[in-house]
Amino acid sequence: MELLQIKTIEKESIGSLSFLGEKKFKQHPDLIQQLNQAMRLGNGYHTKVSIYFHDSEGSKRVETTIWAVGNKYILLKGGIWIPIDRIQEIKF
């Protein structure tokens, strides 16, 4: 993942993104563990993490709190959802 091609966005703009099309990237092998750890930190300590994900236009990064991890989506602070199959990795 090249850092120069990643656009940093505000979490409030995620609702206007499209997640259609093919997934053309590899997810971190420990992504589910990363998501669960980020959720525990978010709920317990309100800790923000960097989420690297891909929408229909390309790579994005958002720094926010993860409140819940479901089977197919994560829930961010503010009621915003991101599909797990579009998340590449979490950085703490």
PDB file of N, CA and C in Angstrom:
ATOM      1  N   MET A   1       0.851  -1.172   0.000  1.00  0.00           N
ATOM      2  CA  MET A   1       0.000   0.000   0.000  1.00  0.00           C
ATOM      3  C   MET A   1       0.896   1.234   0.000  1.00  0.00           C
ATOM      4  N   GLU A   2       0.778   2.060  -1.021  1.00  0.00           N
ATOM      5  CA  GLU A   2       1.562   3.288  -1.098  1.00  0.00           C
ATOM      6  C   GLU A   2       0.843   4.416  -0.387  1.00  0.00           C
ATOM      7  N   LEU A   3       1.550   5.054   0.516  1.00  0.00           N
ATOM      8  CA  LEU A   3       0.936   6.109   1.309  1.00  0.00           C
ATOM      9  C   LEU A   3       0.577   7.328   0.469  1.00  0.00           C
ATOM     10  N   LEU A   4       1.272   7.572  -0.629  1.00  0.00           N
ATOM     11  CA  LEU A   4       0.993   8.743  -1.455  1.00  0.00           C
ATOM     12  C   LEU A   4      -0.355   8.659  -2.149  1.00  0.00           C
ATOM     13  N   GLN A   5      -0.863   7.454  -2.378  1.00  0.00           N
ATOM     14  CA  GLN A   5      -2.116   7.283  -3.102  1.00  0.00           C
ATOM     15  C   GLN A   5      -3.328   7.184  -2.180  1.00  0.00           C
ATOM     16  N   ILE A   6      -3.116   7.277  -0.899  1.00  0.00           N
ATOM     17  CA  ILE A   6      -4.217   7.138   0.054  1.00  0.00           C
ATOM     18  C   ILE A   6      -4.760   8.508   0.413  1.00  0.00           C
ATOM     19  N   LYS A   7      -6.052   8.671   0.245  1.00  0.00           N
ATOM     20  CA  LYS A   7      -6.713   9.932   0.568  1.00  0.00           C
ATOM     21  C   LYS A   7      -7.266   9.852   1.988  1.00  0.00           C
ATOM     22  N   THR A   8      -6.885  10.799   2.833  1.00  0.00           N
ATOM     23  CA  THR A   8      -7.416  10.856   4.195  1.00  0.00           C
ATOM     24  C   THR A   8      -8.736  11.618   4.156  1.00  0.00           C
ATOM     25  N   ILE A   9      -9.760  11.031   4.767  1.00  0.00           N
ATOM     26  CA  ILE A   9     -11.085  11.648   4.763  1.00  0.00           C
ATOM     27  C   ILE A   9     -11.620  11.752   6.189  1.00  0.00           C
ATOM     28  N   GLU A  10     -12.650  12.552   6.348  1.00  0.00           N
ATOM     29  CA  GLU A  10     -13.364  12.657   7.618  1.00  0.00           C
ATOM     30  C   GLU A  10     -14.418  11.550   7.655  1.00  0.00           C
ATOM     31  N   LYS A  11     -14.676  11.005   8.838  1.00  0.00           N
ATOM     32  CA  LYS A  11     -15.637   9.896   8.935  1.00  0.00           C
ATOM     33  C   LYS A  11     -17.035  10.298   8.472  1.00  0.00           C
ATOM     34  N   GLU A  12     -17.381  11.565   8.612  1.00  0.00           N
ATOM     35  CA  GLU A  12     -18.711  12.025   8.209  1.00  0.00           C
ATOM     36  C   GLU A  12     -18.955  11.890   6.700  1.00  0.00           C
ATOM     37  N   SER A  13     -17.887  11.826   5.910  1.00  0.00           N
ATOM     38  CA  SER A  13     -18.047  11.706   4.454  1.00  0.00           C
ATOM     39  C   SER A  13     -18.178  10.250   3.986  1.00  0.00           C
ATOM     40  N   ILE A  14     -17.999   9.289   4.884  1.00  0.00           N
ATOM     41  CA  ILE A  14     -18.059   7.874   4.497  1.00  0.00           C
ATOM     42  C   ILE A  14     -19.439   7.496   3.976  1.00  0.00           C
ATOM     43  N   GLY A  15     -20.489   8.067   4.531  1.00  0.00           N
ATOM     44  CA  GLY A  15     -21.844   7.753   4.093  1.00  0.00           C
ATOM     45  C   GLY A  15     -22.108   8.060   2.635  1.00  0.00           C
ATOM     46  N   SER A  16     -21.338   8.954   2.039  1.00  0.00           N
ATOM     47  CA  SER A  16     -21.539   9.310   0.638  1.00  0.00           C
ATOM     48  C   SER A  16     -20.661   8.491  -0.309  1.00  0.00           C
ATOM     49  N   LEU A  17     -19.849   7.576   0.225  1.00  0.00           N
ATOM     50  CA  LEU A  17     -18.975   6.755  -0.611  1.00  0.00           C
ATOM     51  C   LEU A  17     -19.718   5.548  -1.163  1.00  0.00           C
ATOM     52  N   SER A  18     -19.222   5.030  -2.279  1.00  0.00           N
ATOM     53  CA  SER A  18     -19.775   3.830  -2.898  1.00  0.00           C
ATOM     54  C   SER A  18     -18.793   2.676  -2.707  1.00  0.00           C
ATOM     55  N   PHE A  19     -19.316   1.509  -2.386  1.00  0.00           N
ATOM     56  CA  PHE A  19     -18.479   0.333  -2.188  1.00  0.00           C
ATOM     57  C   PHE A  19     -18.811  -0.753  -3.211  1.00  0.00           C
ATOM     58  N   LEU A  20     -19.198  -0.344  -4.416  1.00  0.00           N
ATOM     59  CA  LEU A  20     -19.514  -1.285  -5.489  1.00  0.00           C
ATOM     60  C   LEU A  20     -18.243  -1.665  -6.235  1.00  0.00           C
ATOM     61  N   GLY A  21     -18.321  -2.713  -7.008  1.00  0.00           N
ATOM     62  CA  GLY A  21     -17.185  -3.127  -7.826  1.00  0.00           C
ATOM     63  C   GLY A  21     -16.358  -4.207  -7.151  1.00  0.00           C
ATOM     64  N   GLU A  22     -15.329  -4.634  -7.872  1.00  0.00           N
ATOM     65  CA  GLU A  22     -14.469  -5.719  -7.404  1.00  0.00           C
ATOM     66  C   GLU A  22     -13.496  -5.259  -6.343  1.00  0.00           C
ATOM     67  N   LYS A  23     -13.203  -6.156  -5.432  1.00  0.00           N
ATOM     68  CA  LYS A  23     -12.173  -5.930  -4.422  1.00  0.00           C
ATOM     69  C   LYS A  23     -10.843  -6.331  -5.046  1.00  0.00           C
ATOM     70  N   LYS A  24      -9.879  -5.387  -5.133  1.00  0.00           N
ATOM     71  CA  LYS A  24      -8.609  -5.656  -5.801  1.00  0.00           C
ATOM     72  C   LYS A  24      -7.430  -5.405  -4.873  1.00  0.00           C
ATOM     73  N   PHE A  25      -7.513  -5.879  -3.639  1.00  0.00           N
ATOM     74  CA  PHE A  25      -6.430  -5.689  -2.683  1.00  0.00           C
ATOM     75  C   PHE A  25      -6.439  -6.860  -1.710  1.00  0.00           C
ATOM     76  N   LYS A  26      -5.314  -7.025  -1.017  1.00  0.00           N
ATOM     77  CA  LYS A  26      -5.217  -8.075  -0.005  1.00  0.00           C
ATOM     78  C   LYS A  26      -5.466  -7.476   1.370  1.00  0.00           C
ATOM     79  N   GLN A  27      -6.262  -8.173   2.154  1.00  0.00           N
ATOM     80  CA  GLN A  27      -6.500  -7.740   3.525  1.00  0.00           C
ATOM     81  C   GLN A  27      -5.376  -8.246   4.417  1.00  0.00           C
ATOM     82  N   HIS A  28      -5.132  -7.508   5.479  1.00  0.00           N
ATOM     83  CA  HIS A  28      -4.142  -7.929   6.468  1.00  0.00           C
ATOM     84  C   HIS A  28      -4.580  -9.286   7.010  1.00  0.00           C
ATOM     85  N   PRO A  29      -3.647 -10.243   7.164  1.00  0.00           N
ATOM     86  CA  PRO A  29      -4.042 -11.588   7.618  1.00  0.00           C
ATOM     87  C   PRO A  29      -4.675 -11.611   9.010  1.00  0.00           C
ATOM     88  N   ASP A  30      -4.390 -10.636   9.837  1.00  0.00           N
ATOM     89  CA  ASP A  30      -4.961 -10.573  11.186  1.00  0.00           C
ATOM     90  C   ASP A  30      -6.036  -9.488  11.319  1.00  0.00           C
ATOM     91  N   LEU A  31      -6.722  -9.191  10.220  1.00  0.00           N
ATOM     92  CA  LEU A  31      -7.680  -8.081  10.220  1.00  0.00           C
ATOM     93  C   LEU A  31      -8.769  -8.240  11.283  1.00  0.00           C
ATOM     94  N   ILE A  32      -9.337  -9.421  11.412  1.00  0.00           N
ATOM     95  CA  ILE A  32     -10.420  -9.605  12.382  1.00  0.00           C
ATOM     96  C   ILE A  32      -9.922  -9.351  13.801  1.00  0.00           C
ATOM     97  N   GLN A  33      -8.722  -9.820  14.111  1.00  0.00           N
ATOM     98  CA  GLN A  33      -8.146  -9.546  15.431  1.00  0.00           C
ATOM     99  C   GLN A  33      -7.895  -8.047  15.606  1.00  0.00           C
ATOM    100  N   GLN A  34      -7.420  -7.388  14.549  1.00  0.00           N
ATOM    101  CA  GLN A  34      -7.204  -5.937  14.597  1.00  0.00           C
ATOM    102  C   GLN A  34      -8.523  -5.212  14.881  1.00  0.00           C
ATOM    103  N   LEU A  35      -9.578  -5.619  14.190  1.00  0.00           N
ATOM    104  CA  LEU A  35     -10.882  -4.979  14.365  1.00  0.00           C
ATOM    105  C   LEU A  35     -11.395  -5.163  15.789  1.00  0.00           C
ATOM    106  N   ASN A  36     -11.275  -6.378  16.309  1.00  0.00           N
ATOM    107  CA  ASN A  36     -11.754  -6.637  17.670  1.00  0.00           C
ATOM    108  C   ASN A  36     -10.946  -5.872  18.712  1.00  0.00           C
ATOM    109  N   GLN A  37      -9.636  -5.783  18.524  1.00  0.00           N
ATOM    110  CA  GLN A  37      -8.811  -5.012  19.452  1.00  0.00           C
ATOM    111  C   GLN A  37      -9.161  -3.524  19.368  1.00  0.00           C
ATOM    112  N   ALA A  38      -9.357  -3.022  18.154  1.00  0.00           N
ATOM    113  CA  ALA A  38      -9.726  -1.616  17.979  1.00  0.00           C
ATOM    114  C   ALA A  38     -11.083  -1.324  18.621  1.00  0.00           C
ATOM    115  N   MET A  39     -12.022  -2.275  18.529  1.00  0.00           N
ATOM    116  CA  MET A  39     -13.333  -2.093  19.144  1.00  0.00           C
ATOM    117  C   MET A  39     -13.202  -2.038  20.672  1.00  0.00           C
ATOM    118  N   ARG A  40     -12.398  -2.923  21.252  1.00  0.00           N
ATOM    119  CA  ARG A  40     -12.194  -2.896  22.702  1.00  0.00           C
ATOM    120  C   ARG A  40     -11.576  -1.570  23.148  1.00  0.00           C
ATOM    121  N   LEU A  41     -10.588  -1.085  22.391  1.00  0.00           N
ATOM    122  CA  LEU A  41      -9.961   0.199  22.722  1.00  0.00           C
ATOM    123  C   LEU A  41     -10.948   1.350  22.555  1.00  0.00           C
ATOM    124  N   GLY A  42     -11.786   1.282  21.544  1.00  0.00           N
ATOM    125  CA  GLY A  42     -12.770   2.332  21.302  1.00  0.00           C
ATOM    126  C   GLY A  42     -13.829   2.392  22.383  1.00  0.00           C
ATOM    127  N   ASN A  43     -14.323   1.217  22.774  1.00  0.00           N
ATOM    128  CA  ASN A  43     -15.366   1.178  23.800  1.00  0.00           C
ATOM    129  C   ASN A  43     -14.821   1.469  25.189  1.00  0.00           C
ATOM    130  N   GLY A  44     -13.635   0.971  25.479  1.00  0.00           N
ATOM    131  CA  GLY A  44     -13.078   1.122  26.819  1.00  0.00           C
ATOM    132  C   GLY A  44     -12.369   2.434  27.062  1.00  0.00           C
ATOM    133  N   TYR A  45     -11.693   2.938  26.020  1.00  0.00           N
ATOM    134  CA  TYR A  45     -10.839   4.110  26.215  1.00  0.00           C
ATOM    135  C   TYR A  45     -11.081   5.230  25.202  1.00  0.00           C
ATOM    136  N   HIS A  46     -12.074   5.049  24.319  1.00  0.00           N
ATOM    137  CA  HIS A  46     -12.380   6.026  23.263  1.00  0.00           C
ATOM    138  C   HIS A  46     -11.157   6.289  22.383  1.00  0.00           C
ATOM    139  N   THR A  47     -10.349   5.243  22.168  1.00  0.00           N
ATOM    140  CA  THR A  47      -9.135   5.344  21.375  1.00  0.00           C
ATOM    141  C   THR A  47      -9.465   5.336  19.884  1.00  0.00           C
ATOM    142  N   LYS A  48      -8.887   6.281  19.159  1.00  0.00           N
ATOM    143  CA  LYS A  48      -9.046   6.324  17.708  1.00  0.00           C
ATOM    144  C   LYS A  48      -7.980   5.459  17.055  1.00  0.00           C
ATOM    145  N   VAL A  49      -8.343   4.869  15.916  1.00  0.00           N
ATOM    146  CA  VAL A  49      -7.412   4.088  15.107  1.00  0.00           C
ATOM    147  C   VAL A  49      -7.486   4.591  13.671  1.00  0.00           C
ATOM    148  N   SER A  50      -6.476   4.257  12.884  1.00  0.00           N
ATOM    149  CA  SER A  50      -6.502   4.562  11.459  1.00  0.00           C
ATOM    150  C   SER A  50      -7.029   3.336  10.725  1.00  0.00           C
ATOM    151  N   ILE A  51      -8.079   3.537   9.953  1.00  0.00           N
ATOM    152  CA  ILE A  51      -8.678   2.470   9.159  1.00  0.00           C
ATOM    153  C   ILE A  51      -8.316   2.720   7.707  1.00  0.00           C
ATOM    154  N   TYR A  52      -7.636   1.760   7.096  1.00  0.00           N
ATOM    155  CA  TYR A  52      -7.278   1.843   5.683  1.00  0.00           C
ATOM    156  C   TYR A  52      -8.270   0.974   4.925  1.00  0.00           C
ATOM    157  N   PHE A  53      -9.008   1.594   3.998  1.00  0.00           N
ATOM    158  CA  PHE A  53     -10.044   0.857   3.281  1.00  0.00           C
ATOM    159  C   PHE A  53     -10.118   1.336   1.842  1.00  0.00           C
ATOM    160  N   HIS A  54     -10.925   0.645   1.047  1.00  0.00           N
ATOM    161  CA  HIS A  54     -11.060   0.952  -0.373  1.00  0.00           C
ATOM    162  C   HIS A  54     -12.537   1.127  -0.706  1.00  0.00           C
ATOM    163  N   ASP A  55     -12.848   2.239  -1.363  1.00  0.00           N
ATOM    164  CA  ASP A  55     -14.193   2.411  -1.902  1.00  0.00           C
ATOM    165  C   ASP A  55     -14.106   2.229  -3.416  1.00  0.00           C
ATOM    166  N   SER A  56     -15.146   2.599  -4.151  1.00  0.00           N
ATOM    167  CA  SER A  56     -15.156   2.422  -5.603  1.00  0.00           C
ATOM    168  C   SER A  56     -14.119   3.282  -6.311  1.00  0.00           C
ATOM    169  N   GLU A  57     -13.661   4.347  -5.658  1.00  0.00           N
ATOM    170  CA  GLU A  57     -12.717   5.267  -6.292  1.00  0.00           C
ATOM    171  C   GLU A  57     -11.259   4.981  -5.943  1.00  0.00           C
ATOM    172  N   GLY A  58     -10.990   4.251  -4.857  1.00  0.00           N
ATOM    173  CA  GLY A  58      -9.608   3.973  -4.504  1.00  0.00           C
ATOM    174  C   GLY A  58      -9.393   3.846  -3.002  1.00  0.00           C
ATOM    175  N   SER A  59      -8.138   4.047  -2.609  1.00  0.00           N
ATOM    176  CA  SER A  59      -7.734   3.861  -1.213  1.00  0.00           C
ATOM    177  C   SER A  59      -8.073   5.083  -0.370  1.00  0.00           C
ATOM    178  N   LYS A  60      -8.554   4.813   0.840  1.00  0.00           N
ATOM    179  CA  LYS A  60      -8.916   5.879   1.770  1.00  0.00           C
ATOM    180  C   LYS A  60      -8.383   5.525   3.148  1.00  0.00           C
ATOM    181  N   ARG A  61      -8.242   6.570   3.968  1.00  0.00           N
ATOM    182  CA  ARG A  61      -7.842   6.409   5.364  1.00  0.00           C
ATOM    183  C   ARG A  61      -8.738   7.309   6.198  1.00  0.00           C
ATOM    184  N   VAL A  62      -9.192   6.785   7.322  1.00  0.00           N
ATOM    185  CA  VAL A  62      -9.970   7.586   8.257  1.00  0.00           C
ATOM    186  C   VAL A  62      -9.472   7.282   9.660  1.00  0.00           C
ATOM    187  N   GLU A  63      -9.400   8.309  10.488  1.00  0.00           N
ATOM    188  CA  GLU A  63      -9.014   8.121  11.887  1.00  0.00           C
ATOM    189  C   GLU A  63     -10.253   8.331  12.729  1.00  0.00           C
ATOM    190  N   THR A  64     -10.657   7.269  13.430  1.00  0.00           N
ATOM    191  CA  THR A  64     -11.910   7.318  14.180  1.00  0.00           C
ATOM    192  C   THR A  64     -11.956   6.200  15.206  1.00  0.00           C
ATOM    193  N   THR A  65     -13.070   6.123  15.907  1.00  0.00           N
ATOM    194  CA  THR A  65     -13.307   5.105  16.925  1.00  0.00           C
ATOM    195  C   THR A  65     -14.224   4.028  16.364  1.00  0.00           C
ATOM    196  N   ILE A  66     -13.869   2.762  16.577  1.00  0.00           N
ATOM    197  CA  ILE A  66     -14.722   1.643  16.175  1.00  0.00           C
ATOM    198  C   ILE A  66     -15.561   1.238  17.379  1.00  0.00           C
ATOM    199  N   TRP A  67     -16.891   1.282  17.212  1.00  0.00           N
ATOM    200  CA  TRP A  67     -17.799   0.955  18.320  1.00  0.00           C
ATOM    201  C   TRP A  67     -18.242  -0.495  18.306  1.00  0.00           C
ATOM    202  N   ALA A  68     -18.392  -1.082  17.100  1.00  0.00           N
ATOM    203  CA  ALA A  68     -18.878  -2.464  17.021  1.00  0.00           C
ATOM    204  C   ALA A  68     -18.326  -3.132  15.770  1.00  0.00           C
ATOM    205  N   VAL A  69     -18.152  -4.461  15.875  1.00  0.00           N
ATOM    206  CA  VAL A  69     -17.704  -5.279  14.755  1.00  0.00           C
ATOM    207  C   VAL A  69     -18.758  -6.350  14.528  1.00  0.00           C
ATOM    208  N   GLY A  70     -19.350  -6.353  13.344  1.00  0.00           N
ATOM    209  CA  GLY A  70     -20.343  -7.360  12.988  1.00  0.00           C
ATOM    210  C   GLY A  70     -19.743  -8.401  12.063  1.00  0.00           C
ATOM    211  N   ASN A  71     -20.598  -9.187  11.437  1.00  0.00           N
ATOM    212  CA  ASN A  71     -20.130 -10.204  10.494  1.00  0.00           C
ATOM    213  C   ASN A  71     -19.666  -9.602   9.177  1.00  0.00           C
ATOM    214  N   LYS A  72     -20.329  -8.517   8.741  1.00  0.00           N
ATOM    215  CA  LYS A  72     -20.016  -7.938   7.436  1.00  0.00           C
ATOM    216  C   LYS A  72     -19.633  -6.459   7.483  1.00  0.00           C
ATOM    217  N   TYR A  73     -19.912  -5.787   8.602  1.00  0.00           N
ATOM    218  CA  TYR A  73     -19.663  -4.345   8.705  1.00  0.00           C
ATOM    219  C   TYR A  73     -19.069  -4.006  10.058  1.00  0.00           C
ATOM    220  N   ILE A  74     -18.381  -2.846  10.106  1.00  0.00           N
ATOM    221  CA  ILE A  74     -17.994  -2.271  11.388  1.00  0.00           C
ATOM    222  C   ILE A  74     -18.812  -0.996  11.580  1.00  0.00           C
ATOM    223  N   LEU A  75     -19.096  -0.680  12.825  1.00  0.00           N
ATOM    224  CA  LEU A  75     -19.842   0.521  13.174  1.00  0.00           C
ATOM    225  C   LEU A  75     -18.875   1.510  13.814  1.00  0.00           C
ATOM    226  N   LEU A  76     -18.846   2.715  13.258  1.00  0.00           N
ATOM    227  CA  LEU A  76     -18.004   3.775  13.786  1.00  0.00           C
ATOM    228  C   LEU A  76     -18.819   4.701  14.663  1.00  0.00           C
ATOM    229  N   LYS A  77     -18.124   5.498  15.436  1.00  0.00           N
ATOM    230  CA  LYS A  77     -18.787   6.530  16.229  1.00  0.00           C
ATOM    231  C   LYS A  77     -19.613   7.390  15.276  1.00  0.00           C
ATOM    232  N   GLY A  78     -20.826   7.696  15.659  1.00  0.00           N
ATOM    233  CA  GLY A  78     -21.700   8.511  14.814  1.00  0.00           C
ATOM    234  C   GLY A  78     -22.625   7.705  13.931  1.00  0.00           C
ATOM    235  N   GLY A  79     -22.674   6.367  14.104  1.00  0.00           N
ATOM    236  CA  GLY A  79     -23.602   5.544  13.329  1.00  0.00           C
ATOM    237  C   GLY A  79     -23.193   5.323  11.887  1.00  0.00           C
ATOM    238  N   ILE A  80     -21.918   5.330  11.602  1.00  0.00           N
ATOM    239  CA  ILE A  80     -21.407   5.159  10.236  1.00  0.00           C
ATOM    240  C   ILE A  80     -20.871   3.742  10.088  1.00  0.00           C
ATOM    241  N   TRP A  81     -21.182   3.116   8.958  1.00  0.00           N
ATOM    242  CA  TRP A  81     -20.816   1.727   8.709  1.00  0.00           C
ATOM    243  C   TRP A  81     -19.806   1.626   7.576  1.00  0.00           C
ATOM    244  N   ILE A  82     -18.858   0.669   7.684  1.00  0.00           N
ATOM    245  CA  ILE A  82     -17.920   0.348   6.603  1.00  0.00           C
ATOM    246  C   ILE A  82     -17.951  -1.170   6.422  1.00  0.00           C
ATOM    247  N   PRO A  83     -18.089  -1.641   5.165  1.00  0.00           N
ATOM    248  CA  PRO A  83     -18.054  -3.092   4.931  1.00  0.00           C
ATOM    249  C   PRO A  83     -16.667  -3.660   5.271  1.00  0.00           C
ATOM    250  N   ILE A  84     -16.634  -4.764   6.011  1.00  0.00           N
ATOM    251  CA  ILE A  84     -15.367  -5.371   6.406  1.00  0.00           C
ATOM    252  C   ILE A  84     -14.574  -5.843   5.190  1.00  0.00           C
ATOM    253  N   ASP A  85     -15.277  -6.291   4.142  1.00  0.00           N
ATOM    254  CA  ASP A  85     -14.546  -6.783   2.974  1.00  0.00           C
ATOM    255  C   ASP A  85     -13.853  -5.667   2.195  1.00  0.00           C
ATOM    256  N   ARG A  86     -14.066  -4.409   2.587  1.00  0.00           N
ATOM    257  CA  ARG A  86     -13.384  -3.273   1.965  1.00  0.00           C
ATOM    258  C   ARG A  86     -12.285  -2.678   2.841  1.00  0.00           C
ATOM    259  N   ILE A  87     -12.061  -3.268   4.011  1.00  0.00           N
ATOM    260  CA  ILE A  87     -11.024  -2.784   4.910  1.00  0.00           C
ATOM    261  C   ILE A  87      -9.749  -3.561   4.657  1.00  0.00           C
ATOM    262  N   GLN A  88      -8.646  -2.831   4.487  1.00  0.00           N
ATOM    263  CA  GLN A  88      -7.356  -3.476   4.245  1.00  0.00           C
ATOM    264  C   GLN A  88      -6.640  -3.760   5.564  1.00  0.00           C
ATOM    265  N   GLU A  89      -6.558  -2.763   6.430  1.00  0.00           N
ATOM    266  CA  GLU A  89      -5.917  -2.974   7.720  1.00  0.00           C
ATOM    267  C   GLU A  89      -6.248  -1.838   8.689  1.00  0.00           C
ATOM    268  N   ILE A  90      -5.927  -2.087   9.954  1.00  0.00           N
ATOM    269  CA  ILE A  90      -6.102  -1.114  11.034  1.00  0.00           C
ATOM    270  C   ILE A  90      -4.725  -0.803  11.592  1.00  0.00           C
ATOM    271  N   LYS A  91      -4.461   0.476  11.846  1.00  0.00           N
ATOM    272  CA  LYS A  91      -3.201   0.860  12.488  1.00  0.00           C
ATOM    273  C   LYS A  91      -3.530   1.585  13.788  1.00  0.00           C
ATOM    274  N   PHE A  92      -2.825   1.207  14.845  1.00  0.00           N
ATOM    275  CA  PHE A  92      -3.072   1.742  16.176  1.00  0.00           C
ATOM    276  C   PHE A  92      -2.142   2.890  16.489  1.00  0.00           C
TER     277      PHE A  92
END
